[in-house]
Amino acid sequence: MGKSSATSKDAQALFHSLRSAYAATPTNLKIIDLYVIFAVATALIQVVYVALVGSFPFNSFLSGVLSCVGTAVLAVCLRIQVNKENKEFKDLPPERAFADFVLCNLVLHLVIMNFLG
């Protein structure tokens, strides 16, 4: 029983350190994180719906899931570029990173709309 108590304390210490580190994260990065969580949650809801109801228009299911996953990936790329602690993109202005994000989303969704047929 001592081992499980130690594991529980380690887990609590880990969650506490993660929570305190995330509290120092800038608000714009937290907003992007919420957007990523929303996109992934939407994809999961679609997968659950297909599992329960069926996948009659399979192209629609694939388009919806790939749209959500693609948007989440692009948002993670935006987060990496906008993060001030990332030295690799220090010369990239946030406006340029957001413009790239919008343009890539436009291309992604044009491809998704084309795939729908």
PDB file of N, CA and C in Angstrom:
ATOM      1  N   MET A   1       0.810  -1.187   0.000  1.00  0.00           N
ATOM      2  CA  MET A   1       0.000   0.000   0.000  1.00  0.00           C
ATOM      3  C   MET A   1       0.855   1.254   0.000  1.00  0.00           C
ATOM      4  N   GLY A   2       2.053   1.185   0.477  1.00  0.00           N
ATOM      5  CA  GLY A   2       2.945   2.329   0.491  1.00  0.00           C
ATOM      6  C   GLY A   2       3.334   2.756  -0.905  1.00  0.00           C
ATOM      7  N   LYS A   3       3.388   1.777  -1.826  1.00  0.00           N
ATOM      8  CA  LYS A   3       3.776   2.092  -3.204  1.00  0.00           C
ATOM      9  C   LYS A   3       2.690   2.903  -3.912  1.00  0.00           C
ATOM     10  N   SER A   4       1.428   2.558  -3.673  1.00  0.00           N
ATOM     11  CA  SER A   4       0.349   3.303  -4.325  1.00  0.00           C
ATOM     12  C   SER A   4       0.237   4.712  -3.756  1.00  0.00           C
ATOM     13  N   SER A   5       0.538   4.881  -2.470  1.00  0.00           N
ATOM     14  CA  SER A   5       0.518   6.211  -1.874  1.00  0.00           C
ATOM     15  C   SER A   5       1.620   7.090  -2.468  1.00  0.00           C
ATOM     16  N   ALA A   6       2.782   6.496  -2.693  1.00  0.00           N
ATOM     17  CA  ALA A   6       3.887   7.238  -3.304  1.00  0.00           C
ATOM     18  C   ALA A   6       3.549   7.612  -4.740  1.00  0.00           C
ATOM     19  N   THR A   7       2.920   6.700  -5.449  1.00  0.00           N
ATOM     20  CA  THR A   7       2.520   6.981  -6.825  1.00  0.00           C
ATOM     21  C   THR A   7       1.488   8.096  -6.869  1.00  0.00           C
ATOM     22  N   SER A   8       0.565   8.079  -5.936  1.00  0.00           N
ATOM     23  CA  SER A   8      -0.455   9.126  -5.872  1.00  0.00           C
ATOM     24  C   SER A   8       0.179  10.486  -5.579  1.00  0.00           C
ATOM     25  N   LYS A   9       1.140  10.510  -4.662  1.00  0.00           N
ATOM     26  CA  LYS A   9       1.813  11.777  -4.349  1.00  0.00           C
ATOM     27  C   LYS A   9       2.631  12.266  -5.539  1.00  0.00           C
ATOM     28  N   ASP A  10       3.255  11.346  -6.255  1.00  0.00           N
ATOM     29  CA  ASP A  10       4.011  11.730  -7.450  1.00  0.00           C
ATOM     30  C   ASP A  10       3.083  12.312  -8.509  1.00  0.00           C
ATOM     31  N   ALA A  11       1.926  11.691  -8.687  1.00  0.00           N
ATOM     32  CA  ALA A  11       0.962  12.188  -9.673  1.00  0.00           C
ATOM     33  C   ALA A  11       0.453  13.569  -9.281  1.00  0.00           C
ATOM     34  N   GLN A  12       0.180  13.761  -7.991  1.00  0.00           N
ATOM     35  CA  GLN A  12      -0.278  15.075  -7.529  1.00  0.00           C
ATOM     36  C   GLN A  12       0.796  16.135  -7.721  1.00  0.00           C
ATOM     37  N   ALA A  13       2.047  15.770  -7.459  1.00  0.00           N
ATOM     38  CA  ALA A  13       3.146  16.716  -7.658  1.00  0.00           C
ATOM     39  C   ALA A  13       3.295  17.066  -9.138  1.00  0.00           C
ATOM     40  N   LEU A  14       3.121  16.060 -10.004  1.00  0.00           N
ATOM     41  CA  LEU A  14       3.200  16.304 -11.444  1.00  0.00           C
ATOM     42  C   LEU A  14       2.091  17.242 -11.905  1.00  0.00           C
ATOM     43  N   PHE A  15       0.853  16.983 -11.477  1.00  0.00           N
ATOM     44  CA  PHE A  15      -0.261  17.851 -11.867  1.00  0.00           C
ATOM     45  C   PHE A  15      -0.084  19.261 -11.322  1.00  0.00           C
ATOM     46  N   HIS A  16       0.420  19.374 -10.103  1.00  0.00           N
ATOM     47  CA  HIS A  16       0.648  20.697  -9.523  1.00  0.00           C
ATOM     48  C   HIS A  16       1.707  21.464 -10.310  1.00  0.00           C
ATOM     49  N   SER A  17       2.783  20.791 -10.704  1.00  0.00           N
ATOM     50  CA  SER A  17       3.834  21.479 -11.465  1.00  0.00           C
ATOM     51  C   SER A  17       3.347  21.854 -12.858  1.00  0.00           C
ATOM     52  N   LEU A  18       2.550  20.984 -13.482  1.00  0.00           N
ATOM     53  CA  LEU A  18       1.997  21.321 -14.796  1.00  0.00           C
ATOM     54  C   LEU A  18       1.036  22.497 -14.706  1.00  0.00           C
ATOM     55  N   ARG A  19       0.193  22.515 -13.675  1.00  0.00           N
ATOM     56  CA  ARG A  19      -0.773  23.600 -13.500  1.00  0.00           C
ATOM     57  C   ARG A  19      -0.059  24.927 -13.252  1.00  0.00           C
ATOM     58  N   SER A  20       0.977  24.906 -12.432  1.00  0.00           N
ATOM     59  CA  SER A  20       1.688  26.156 -12.148  1.00  0.00           C
ATOM     60  C   SER A  20       2.480  26.639 -13.362  1.00  0.00           C
ATOM     61  N   ALA A  21       3.013  25.711 -14.149  1.00  0.00           N
ATOM     62  CA  ALA A  21       3.727  26.107 -15.366  1.00  0.00           C
ATOM     63  C   ALA A  21       2.757  26.667 -16.403  1.00  0.00           C
ATOM     64  N   TYR A  22       1.569  26.066 -16.512  1.00  0.00           N
ATOM     65  CA  TYR A  22       0.590  26.533 -17.497  1.00  0.00           C
ATOM     66  C   TYR A  22      -0.018  27.870 -17.088  1.00  0.00           C
ATOM     67  N   ALA A  23      -0.014  28.180 -15.801  1.00  0.00           N
ATOM     68  CA  ALA A  23      -0.540  29.472 -15.339  1.00  0.00           C
ATOM     69  C   ALA A  23       0.298  30.622 -15.875  1.00  0.00           C
ATOM     70  N   ALA A  24       1.569  30.359 -16.158  1.00  0.00           N
ATOM     71  CA  ALA A  24       2.446  31.402 -16.689  1.00  0.00           C
ATOM     72  C   ALA A  24       2.357  31.542 -18.202  1.00  0.00           C
ATOM     73  N   THR A  25       1.566  30.708 -18.841  1.00  0.00           N
ATOM     74  CA  THR A  25       1.415  30.762 -20.297  1.00  0.00           C
ATOM     75  C   THR A  25       0.614  31.998 -20.690  1.00  0.00           C
ATOM     76  N   PRO A  26       1.041  32.709 -21.744  1.00  0.00           N
ATOM     77  CA  PRO A  26       0.287  33.892 -22.185  1.00  0.00           C
ATOM     78  C   PRO A  26      -1.134  33.546 -22.637  1.00  0.00           C
ATOM     79  N   THR A  27      -2.009  34.520 -22.557  1.00  0.00           N
ATOM     80  CA  THR A  27      -3.420  34.305 -22.873  1.00  0.00           C
ATOM     81  C   THR A  27      -3.639  33.909 -24.326  1.00  0.00           C
ATOM     82  N   ASN A  28      -2.884  34.500 -25.254  1.00  0.00           N
ATOM     83  CA  ASN A  28      -3.100  34.162 -26.665  1.00  0.00           C
ATOM     84  C   ASN A  28      -2.766  32.689 -26.936  1.00  0.00           C
ATOM     85  N   LEU A  29      -1.796  32.138 -26.239  1.00  0.00           N
ATOM     86  CA  LEU A  29      -1.487  30.714 -26.417  1.00  0.00           C
ATOM     87  C   LEU A  29      -2.562  29.832 -25.786  1.00  0.00           C
ATOM     88  N   LYS A  30      -3.142  30.289 -24.692  1.00  0.00           N
ATOM     89  CA  LYS A  30      -4.239  29.533 -24.072  1.00  0.00           C
ATOM     90  C   LYS A  30      -5.468  29.504 -24.986  1.00  0.00           C
ATOM     91  N   ILE A  31      -5.705  30.603 -25.679  1.00  0.00           N
ATOM     92  CA  ILE A  31      -6.833  30.642 -26.618  1.00  0.00           C
ATOM     93  C   ILE A  31      -6.600  29.665 -27.769  1.00  0.00           C
ATOM     94  N   ILE A  32      -5.381  29.615 -28.265  1.00  0.00           N
ATOM     95  CA  ILE A  32      -5.064  28.665 -29.336  1.00  0.00           C
ATOM     96  C   ILE A  32      -5.209  27.234 -28.819  1.00  0.00           C
ATOM     97  N   ASP A  33      -4.807  26.988 -27.575  1.00  0.00           N
ATOM     98  CA  ASP A  33      -4.969  25.651 -26.981  1.00  0.00           C
ATOM     99  C   ASP A  33      -6.439  25.251 -26.914  1.00  0.00           C
ATOM    100  N   LEU A  34      -7.291  26.192 -26.531  1.00  0.00           N
ATOM    101  CA  LEU A  34      -8.735  25.906 -26.485  1.00  0.00           C
ATOM    102  C   LEU A  34      -9.276  25.591 -27.881  1.00  0.00           C
ATOM    103  N   TYR A  35      -8.784  26.301 -28.877  1.00  0.00           N
ATOM    104  CA  TYR A  35      -9.205  26.048 -30.257  1.00  0.00           C
ATOM    105  C   TYR A  35      -8.785  24.649 -30.703  1.00  0.00           C
ATOM    106  N   VAL A  36      -7.584  24.244 -30.344  1.00  0.00           N
ATOM    107  CA  VAL A  36      -7.106  22.894 -30.692  1.00  0.00           C
ATOM    108  C   VAL A  36      -7.958  21.837 -29.996  1.00  0.00           C
ATOM    109  N   ILE A  37      -8.259  22.057 -28.724  1.00  0.00           N
ATOM    110  CA  ILE A  37      -9.095  21.105 -27.980  1.00  0.00           C
ATOM    111  C   ILE A  37     -10.480  21.026 -28.604  1.00  0.00           C
ATOM    112  N   PHE A  38     -11.036  22.164 -29.010  1.00  0.00           N
ATOM    113  CA  PHE A  38     -12.345  22.170 -29.658  1.00  0.00           C
ATOM    114  C   PHE A  38     -12.324  21.387 -30.967  1.00  0.00           C
ATOM    115  N   ALA A  39     -11.283  21.573 -31.779  1.00  0.00           N
ATOM    116  CA  ALA A  39     -11.199  20.873 -33.060  1.00  0.00           C
ATOM    117  C   ALA A  39     -11.073  19.370 -32.854  1.00  0.00           C
ATOM    118  N   VAL A  40     -10.259  18.958 -31.907  1.00  0.00           N
ATOM    119  CA  VAL A  40     -10.092  17.524 -31.641  1.00  0.00           C
ATOM    120  C   VAL A  40     -11.374  16.942 -31.056  1.00  0.00           C
ATOM    121  N   ALA A  41     -12.040  17.670 -30.165  1.00  0.00           N
ATOM    122  CA  ALA A  41     -13.303  17.195 -29.595  1.00  0.00           C
ATOM    123  C   ALA A  41     -14.365  17.054 -30.675  1.00  0.00           C
ATOM    124  N   THR A  42     -14.407  17.973 -31.611  1.00  0.00           N
ATOM    125  CA  THR A  42     -15.365  17.879 -32.713  1.00  0.00           C
ATOM    126  C   THR A  42     -15.091  16.647 -33.565  1.00  0.00           C
ATOM    127  N   ALA A  43     -13.827  16.352 -33.815  1.00  0.00           N
ATOM    128  CA  ALA A  43     -13.477  15.150 -34.577  1.00  0.00           C
ATOM    129  C   ALA A  43     -13.899  13.894 -33.817  1.00  0.00           C
ATOM    130  N   LEU A  44     -13.682  13.873 -32.507  1.00  0.00           N
ATOM    131  CA  LEU A  44     -14.082  12.712 -31.713  1.00  0.00           C
ATOM    132  C   LEU A  44     -15.595  12.533 -31.698  1.00  0.00           C
ATOM    133  N   ILE A  45     -16.329  13.631 -31.626  1.00  0.00           N
ATOM    134  CA  ILE A  45     -17.792  13.546 -31.666  1.00  0.00           C
ATOM    135  C   ILE A  45     -18.245  12.955 -32.994  1.00  0.00           C
ATOM    136  N   GLN A  46     -17.608  13.345 -34.072  1.00  0.00           N
ATOM    137  CA  GLN A  46     -17.967  12.791 -35.380  1.00  0.00           C
ATOM    138  C   GLN A  46     -17.672  11.303 -35.453  1.00  0.00           C
ATOM    139  N   VAL A  47     -16.565  10.886 -34.890  1.00  0.00           N
ATOM    140  CA  VAL A  47     -16.212   9.457 -34.900  1.00  0.00           C
ATOM    141  C   VAL A  47     -17.219   8.663 -34.066  1.00  0.00           C
ATOM    142  N   VAL A  48     -17.598   9.188 -32.908  1.00  0.00           N
ATOM    143  CA  VAL A  48     -18.597   8.507 -32.077  1.00  0.00           C
ATOM    144  C   VAL A  48     -19.934   8.442 -32.804  1.00  0.00           C
ATOM    145  N   TYR A  49     -20.316   9.518 -33.463  1.00  0.00           N
ATOM    146  CA  TYR A  49     -21.567   9.531 -34.215  1.00  0.00           C
ATOM    147  C   TYR A  49     -21.569   8.464 -35.303  1.00  0.00           C
ATOM    148  N   VAL A  50     -20.458   8.346 -36.030  1.00  0.00           N
ATOM    149  CA  VAL A  50     -20.374   7.343 -37.091  1.00  0.00           C
ATOM    150  C   VAL A  50     -20.416   5.943 -36.497  1.00  0.00           C
ATOM    151  N   ALA A  51     -19.792   5.749 -35.337  1.00  0.00           N
ATOM    152  CA  ALA A  51     -19.812   4.435 -34.698  1.00  0.00           C
ATOM    153  C   ALA A  51     -21.222   4.054 -34.250  1.00  0.00           C
ATOM    154  N   LEU A  52     -22.007   5.035 -33.816  1.00  0.00           N
ATOM    155  CA  LEU A  52     -23.351   4.746 -33.337  1.00  0.00           C
ATOM    156  C   LEU A  52     -24.372   4.663 -34.460  1.00  0.00           C
ATOM    157  N   VAL A  53     -24.306   5.571 -35.416  1.00  0.00           N
ATOM    158  CA  VAL A  53     -25.352   5.684 -36.433  1.00  0.00           C
ATOM    159  C   VAL A  53     -24.985   4.973 -37.727  1.00  0.00           C
ATOM    160  N   GLY A  54     -23.741   5.057 -38.124  1.00  0.00           N
ATOM    161  CA  GLY A  54     -23.312   4.469 -39.389  1.00  0.00           C
ATOM    162  C   GLY A  54     -22.676   5.526 -40.263  1.00  0.00           C
ATOM    163  N   SER A  55     -21.992   5.065 -41.280  1.00  0.00           N
ATOM    164  CA  SER A  55     -21.225   5.987 -42.119  1.00  0.00           C
ATOM    165  C   SER A  55     -21.728   5.960 -43.557  1.00  0.00           C
ATOM    166  N   PHE A  56     -23.023   6.233 -43.736  1.00  0.00           N
ATOM    167  CA  PHE A  56     -23.558   6.148 -45.097  1.00  0.00           C
ATOM    168  C   PHE A  56     -22.844   7.073 -46.073  1.00  0.00           C
ATOM    169  N   PRO A  57     -22.843   8.388 -45.866  1.00  0.00           N
ATOM    170  CA  PRO A  57     -22.017   9.190 -46.788  1.00  0.00           C
ATOM    171  C   PRO A  57     -20.586   9.241 -46.259  1.00  0.00           C
ATOM    172  N   PHE A  58     -19.796   8.215 -46.604  1.00  0.00           N
ATOM    173  CA  PHE A  58     -18.465   8.063 -46.023  1.00  0.00           C
ATOM    174  C   PHE A  58     -17.561   9.236 -46.379  1.00  0.00           C
ATOM    175  N   ASN A  59     -17.733   9.818 -47.568  1.00  0.00           N
ATOM    176  CA  ASN A  59     -16.926  10.985 -47.929  1.00  0.00           C
ATOM    177  C   ASN A  59     -17.193  12.154 -46.983  1.00  0.00           C
ATOM    178  N   SER A  60     -18.423  12.305 -46.569  1.00  0.00           N
ATOM    179  CA  SER A  60     -18.752  13.387 -45.631  1.00  0.00           C
ATOM    180  C   SER A  60     -18.081  13.161 -44.288  1.00  0.00           C
ATOM    181  N   PHE A  61     -18.095  11.911 -43.827  1.00  0.00           N
ATOM    182  CA  PHE A  61     -17.425  11.598 -42.565  1.00  0.00           C
ATOM    183  C   PHE A  61     -15.931  11.879 -42.662  1.00  0.00           C
ATOM    184  N   LEU A  62     -15.298  11.396 -43.715  1.00  0.00           N
ATOM    185  CA  LEU A  62     -13.862  11.633 -43.890  1.00  0.00           C
ATOM    186  C   LEU A  62     -13.551  13.118 -44.006  1.00  0.00           C
ATOM    187  N   SER A  63     -14.382  13.835 -44.747  1.00  0.00           N
ATOM    188  CA  SER A  63     -14.155  15.276 -44.900  1.00  0.00           C
ATOM    189  C   SER A  63     -14.249  15.996 -43.563  1.00  0.00           C
ATOM    190  N   GLY A  64     -15.250  15.653 -42.777  1.00  0.00           N
ATOM    191  CA  GLY A  64     -15.421  16.306 -41.483  1.00  0.00           C
ATOM    192  C   GLY A  64     -14.281  16.031 -40.531  1.00  0.00           C
ATOM    193  N   VAL A  65     -13.879  14.768 -40.449  1.00  0.00           N
ATOM    194  CA  VAL A  65     -12.799  14.410 -39.521  1.00  0.00           C
ATOM    195  C   VAL A  65     -11.473  14.999 -39.993  1.00  0.00           C
ATOM    196  N   LEU A  66     -11.187  14.901 -41.284  1.00  0.00           N
ATOM    197  CA  LEU A  66      -9.929  15.448 -41.791  1.00  0.00           C
ATOM    198  C   LEU A  66      -9.904  16.971 -41.684  1.00  0.00           C
ATOM    199  N   SER A  67     -11.041  17.609 -41.811  1.00  0.00           N
ATOM    200  CA  SER A  67     -11.103  19.057 -41.622  1.00  0.00           C
ATOM    201  C   SER A  67     -10.756  19.425 -40.181  1.00  0.00           C
ATOM    202  N   CYS A  68     -11.325  18.704 -39.233  1.00  0.00           N
ATOM    203  CA  CYS A  68     -11.043  18.984 -37.820  1.00  0.00           C
ATOM    204  C   CYS A  68      -9.590  18.697 -37.465  1.00  0.00           C
ATOM    205  N   VAL A  69      -9.085  17.563 -37.921  1.00  0.00           N
ATOM    206  CA  VAL A  69      -7.703  17.205 -37.599  1.00  0.00           C
ATOM    207  C   VAL A  69      -6.728  18.163 -38.288  1.00  0.00           C
ATOM    208  N   GLY A  70      -6.999  18.505 -39.540  1.00  0.00           N
ATOM    209  CA  GLY A  70      -6.140  19.443 -40.253  1.00  0.00           C
ATOM    210  C   GLY A  70      -6.133  20.819 -39.607  1.00  0.00           C
ATOM    211  N   THR A  71      -7.299  21.264 -39.171  1.00  0.00           N
ATOM    212  CA  THR A  71      -7.387  22.551 -38.493  1.00  0.00           C
ATOM    213  C   THR A  71      -6.615  22.524 -37.174  1.00  0.00           C
ATOM    214  N   ALA A  72      -6.706  21.416 -36.452  1.00  0.00           N
ATOM    215  CA  ALA A  72      -5.964  21.297 -35.196  1.00  0.00           C
ATOM    216  C   ALA A  72      -4.457  21.322 -35.447  1.00  0.00           C
ATOM    217  N   VAL A  73      -4.011  20.638 -36.480  1.00  0.00           N
ATOM    218  CA  VAL A  73      -2.575  20.624 -36.799  1.00  0.00           C
ATOM    219  C   VAL A  73      -2.105  22.023 -37.177  1.00  0.00           C
ATOM    220  N   LEU A  74      -2.891  22.721 -37.978  1.00  0.00           N
ATOM    221  CA  LEU A  74      -2.515  24.082 -38.356  1.00  0.00           C
ATOM    222  C   LEU A  74      -2.503  25.021 -37.147  1.00  0.00           C
ATOM    223  N   ALA A  75      -3.427  24.810 -36.216  1.00  0.00           N
ATOM    224  CA  ALA A  75      -3.446  25.640 -35.014  1.00  0.00           C
ATOM    225  C   ALA A  75      -2.229  25.357 -34.124  1.00  0.00           C
ATOM    226  N   VAL A  76      -1.800  24.111 -34.070  1.00  0.00           N
ATOM    227  CA  VAL A  76      -0.585  23.791 -33.311  1.00  0.00           C
ATOM    228  C   VAL A  76       0.623  24.464 -33.960  1.00  0.00           C
ATOM    229  N   CYS A  77       0.673  24.462 -35.282  1.00  0.00           N
ATOM    230  CA  CYS A  77       1.757  25.163 -35.980  1.00  0.00           C
ATOM    231  C   CYS A  77       1.713  26.664 -35.684  1.00  0.00           C
ATOM    232  N   LEU A  78       0.518  27.237 -35.648  1.00  0.00           N
ATOM    233  CA  LEU A  78       0.383  28.646 -35.291  1.00  0.00           C
ATOM    234  C   LEU A  78       0.888  28.896 -33.872  1.00  0.00           C
ATOM    235  N   ARG A  79       0.544  28.001 -32.960  1.00  0.00           N
ATOM    236  CA  ARG A  79       0.991  28.153 -31.571  1.00  0.00           C
ATOM    237  C   ARG A  79       2.508  28.108 -31.473  1.00  0.00           C
ATOM    238  N   ILE A  80       3.120  27.232 -32.220  1.00  0.00           N
ATOM    239  CA  ILE A  80       4.582  27.137 -32.210  1.00  0.00           C
ATOM    240  C   ILE A  80       5.201  28.420 -32.744  1.00  0.00           C
ATOM    241  N   GLN A  81       4.628  28.980 -33.792  1.00  0.00           N
ATOM    242  CA  GLN A  81       5.192  30.181 -34.399  1.00  0.00           C
ATOM    243  C   GLN A  81       4.973  31.427 -33.552  1.00  0.00           C
ATOM    244  N   VAL A  82       3.866  31.486 -32.818  1.00  0.00           N
ATOM    245  CA  VAL A  82       3.528  32.679 -32.043  1.00  0.00           C
ATOM    246  C   VAL A  82       4.208  32.673 -30.666  1.00  0.00           C
ATOM    247  N   ASN A  83       4.612  31.513 -30.186  1.00  0.00           N
ATOM    248  CA  ASN A  83       5.219  31.398 -28.866  1.00  0.00           C
ATOM    249  C   ASN A  83       6.517  32.205 -28.796  1.00  0.00           C
ATOM    250  N   LYS A  84       6.592  33.116 -27.844  1.00  0.00           N
ATOM    251  CA  LYS A  84       7.764  33.986 -27.704  1.00  0.00           C
ATOM    252  C   LYS A  84       8.999  33.226 -27.225  1.00  0.00           C
ATOM    253  N   GLU A  85       8.809  32.116 -26.544  1.00  0.00           N
ATOM    254  CA  GLU A  85       9.931  31.338 -26.029  1.00  0.00           C
ATOM    255  C   GLU A  85      10.609  30.502 -27.106  1.00  0.00           C
ATOM    256  N   ASN A  86       9.957  30.349 -28.254  1.00  0.00           N
ATOM    257  CA  ASN A  86      10.526  29.569 -29.347  1.00  0.00           C
ATOM    258  C   ASN A  86      11.505  30.445 -30.121  1.00  0.00           C
ATOM    259  N   LYS A  87      12.768  30.119 -30.043  1.00  0.00           N
ATOM    260  CA  LYS A  87      13.814  30.948 -30.668  1.00  0.00           C
ATOM    261  C   LYS A  87      13.874  30.758 -32.182  1.00  0.00           C
ATOM    262  N   GLU A  88      13.306  29.668 -32.682  1.00  0.00           N
ATOM    263  CA  GLU A  88      13.384  29.388 -34.115  1.00  0.00           C
ATOM    264  C   GLU A  88      12.574  30.385 -34.946  1.00  0.00           C
ATOM    265  N   PHE A  89      11.482  30.893 -34.388  1.00  0.00           N
ATOM    266  CA  PHE A  89      10.603  31.813 -35.111  1.00  0.00           C
ATOM    267  C   PHE A  89      10.617  33.203 -34.476  1.00  0.00           C
ATOM    268  N   LYS A  90      11.723  33.615 -33.879  1.00  0.00           N
ATOM    269  CA  LYS A  90      11.755  34.893 -33.177  1.00  0.00           C
ATOM    270  C   LYS A  90      11.635  36.084 -34.117  1.00  0.00           C
ATOM    271  N   ASP A  91      12.062  35.943 -35.387  1.00  0.00           N
ATOM    272  CA  ASP A  91      11.982  37.048 -36.337  1.00  0.00           C
ATOM    273  C   ASP A  91      10.649  37.097 -37.081  1.00  0.00           C
ATOM    274  N   LEU A  92       9.801  36.104 -36.871  1.00  0.00           N
ATOM    275  CA  LEU A  92       8.512  36.037 -37.564  1.00  0.00           C
ATOM    276  C   LEU A  92       7.470  36.825 -36.775  1.00  0.00           C
ATOM    277  N   PRO A  93       6.895  37.865 -37.377  1.00  0.00           N
ATOM    278  CA  PRO A  93       5.861  38.619 -36.646  1.00  0.00           C
ATOM    279  C   PRO A  93       4.590  37.770 -36.488  1.00  0.00           C
ATOM    280  N   PRO A  94       3.864  37.962 -35.393  1.00  0.00           N
ATOM    281  CA  PRO A  94       2.642  37.177 -35.161  1.00  0.00           C
ATOM    282  C   PRO A  94       1.590  37.391 -36.247  1.00  0.00           C
ATOM    283  N   GLU A  95       1.563  38.571 -36.840  1.00  0.00           N
ATOM    284  CA  GLU A  95       0.596  38.830 -37.913  1.00  0.00           C
ATOM    285  C   GLU A  95       0.875  37.943 -39.119  1.00  0.00           C
ATOM    286  N   ARG A  96       2.141  37.752 -39.427  1.00  0.00           N
ATOM    287  CA  ARG A  96       2.515  36.889 -40.550  1.00  0.00           C
ATOM    288  C   ARG A  96       2.149  35.442 -40.251  1.00  0.00           C
ATOM    289  N   ALA A  97       2.385  34.996 -39.025  1.00  0.00           N
ATOM    290  CA  ALA A  97       2.036  33.626 -38.635  1.00  0.00           C
ATOM    291  C   ALA A  97       0.524  33.420 -38.743  1.00  0.00           C
ATOM    292  N   PHE A  98      -0.256  34.428 -38.305  1.00  0.00           N
ATOM    293  CA  PHE A  98      -1.711  34.300 -38.400  1.00  0.00           C
ATOM    294  C   PHE A  98      -2.170  34.317 -39.850  1.00  0.00           C
ATOM    295  N   ALA A  99      -1.545  35.134 -40.692  1.00  0.00           N
ATOM    296  CA  ALA A  99      -1.898  35.159 -42.112  1.00  0.00           C
ATOM    297  C   ALA A  99      -1.593  33.805 -42.759  1.00  0.00           C
ATOM    298  N   ASP A 100      -0.469  33.198 -42.408  1.00  0.00           N
ATOM    299  CA  ASP A 100      -0.162  31.854 -42.911  1.00  0.00           C
ATOM    300  C   ASP A 100      -1.209  30.844 -42.460  1.00  0.00           C
ATOM    301  N   PHE A 101      -1.628  30.960 -41.200  1.00  0.00           N
ATOM    302  CA  PHE A 101      -2.653  30.071 -40.657  1.00  0.00           C
ATOM    303  C   PHE A 101      -3.955  30.198 -41.432  1.00  0.00           C
ATOM    304  N   VAL A 102      -4.374  31.431 -41.691  1.00  0.00           N
ATOM    305  CA  VAL A 102      -5.630  31.665 -42.417  1.00  0.00           C
ATOM    306  C   VAL A 102      -5.525  31.146 -43.848  1.00  0.00           C
ATOM    307  N   LEU A 103      -4.420  31.412 -44.521  1.00  0.00           N
ATOM    308  CA  LEU A 103      -4.238  30.950 -45.897  1.00  0.00           C
ATOM    309  C   LEU A 103      -4.221  29.423 -45.973  1.00  0.00           C
ATOM    310  N   CYS A 104      -3.513  28.780 -45.065  1.00  0.00           N
ATOM    311  CA  CYS A 104      -3.465  27.315 -45.062  1.00  0.00           C
ATOM    312  C   CYS A 104      -4.832  26.715 -44.745  1.00  0.00           C
ATOM    313  N   ASN A 105      -5.585  27.358 -43.851  1.00  0.00           N
ATOM    314  CA  ASN A 105      -6.944  26.885 -43.571  1.00  0.00           C
ATOM    315  C   ASN A 105      -7.834  27.023 -44.792  1.00  0.00           C
ATOM    316  N   LEU A 106      -7.665  28.115 -45.530  1.00  0.00           N
ATOM    317  CA  LEU A 106      -8.443  28.313 -46.749  1.00  0.00           C
ATOM    318  C   LEU A 106      -8.144  27.206 -47.760  1.00  0.00           C
ATOM    319  N   VAL A 107      -6.877  26.909 -47.959  1.00  0.00           N
ATOM    320  CA  VAL A 107      -6.494  25.844 -48.891  1.00  0.00           C
ATOM    321  C   VAL A 107      -7.015  24.489 -48.401  1.00  0.00           C
ATOM    322  N   LEU A 108      -6.864  24.222 -47.107  1.00  0.00           N
ATOM    323  CA  LEU A 108      -7.350  22.961 -46.543  1.00  0.00           C
ATOM    324  C   LEU A 108      -8.839  22.786 -46.782  1.00  0.00           C
ATOM    325  N   HIS A 109      -9.607  23.815 -46.519  1.00  0.00           N
ATOM    326  CA  HIS A 109     -11.050  23.673 -46.655  1.00  0.00           C
ATOM    327  C   HIS A 109     -11.506  23.683 -48.116  1.00  0.00           C
ATOM    328  N   LEU A 110     -10.754  24.301 -48.998  1.00  0.00           N
ATOM    329  CA  LEU A 110     -11.063  24.158 -50.425  1.00  0.00           C
ATOM    330  C   LEU A 110     -10.849  22.714 -50.880  1.00  0.00           C
ATOM    331  N   VAL A 111      -9.798  22.088 -50.406  1.00  0.00           N
ATOM    332  CA  VAL A 111      -9.550  20.682 -50.741  1.00  0.00           C
ATOM    333  C   VAL A 111     -10.644  19.794 -50.125  1.00  0.00           C
ATOM    334  N   ILE A 112     -11.033  20.085 -48.898  1.00  0.00           N
ATOM    335  CA  ILE A 112     -12.086  19.316 -48.241  1.00  0.00           C
ATOM    336  C   ILE A 112     -13.399  19.464 -49.004  1.00  0.00           C
ATOM    337  N   MET A 113     -13.731  20.663 -49.428  1.00  0.00           N
ATOM    338  CA  MET A 113     -14.975  20.870 -50.197  1.00  0.00           C
ATOM    339  C   MET A 113     -14.929  20.162 -51.535  1.00  0.00           C
ATOM    340  N   ASN A 114     -13.752  20.119 -52.140  1.00  0.00           N
ATOM    341  CA  ASN A 114     -13.604  19.396 -53.390  1.00  0.00           C
ATOM    342  C   ASN A 114     -13.766  17.889 -53.170  1.00  0.00           C
ATOM    343  N   PHE A 115     -13.283  17.394 -52.036  1.00  0.00           N
ATOM    344  CA  PHE A 115     -13.384  15.965 -51.733  1.00  0.00           C
ATOM    345  C   PHE A 115     -14.822  15.540 -51.491  1.00  0.00           C
ATOM    346  N   LEU A 116     -15.632  16.463 -50.970  1.00  0.00           N
ATOM    347  CA  LEU A 116     -17.037  16.140 -50.740  1.00  0.00           C
ATOM    348  C   LEU A 116     -17.740  15.762 -52.038  1.00  0.00           C
ATOM    349  N   GLY A 117     -17.318  16.359 -53.130  1.00  0.00           N
ATOM    350  CA  GLY A 117     -17.889  16.018 -54.420  1.00  0.00           C
ATOM    351  C   GLY A 117     -19.145  16.758 -54.629  1.00  0.00           C
TER     352      GLY A 117
END
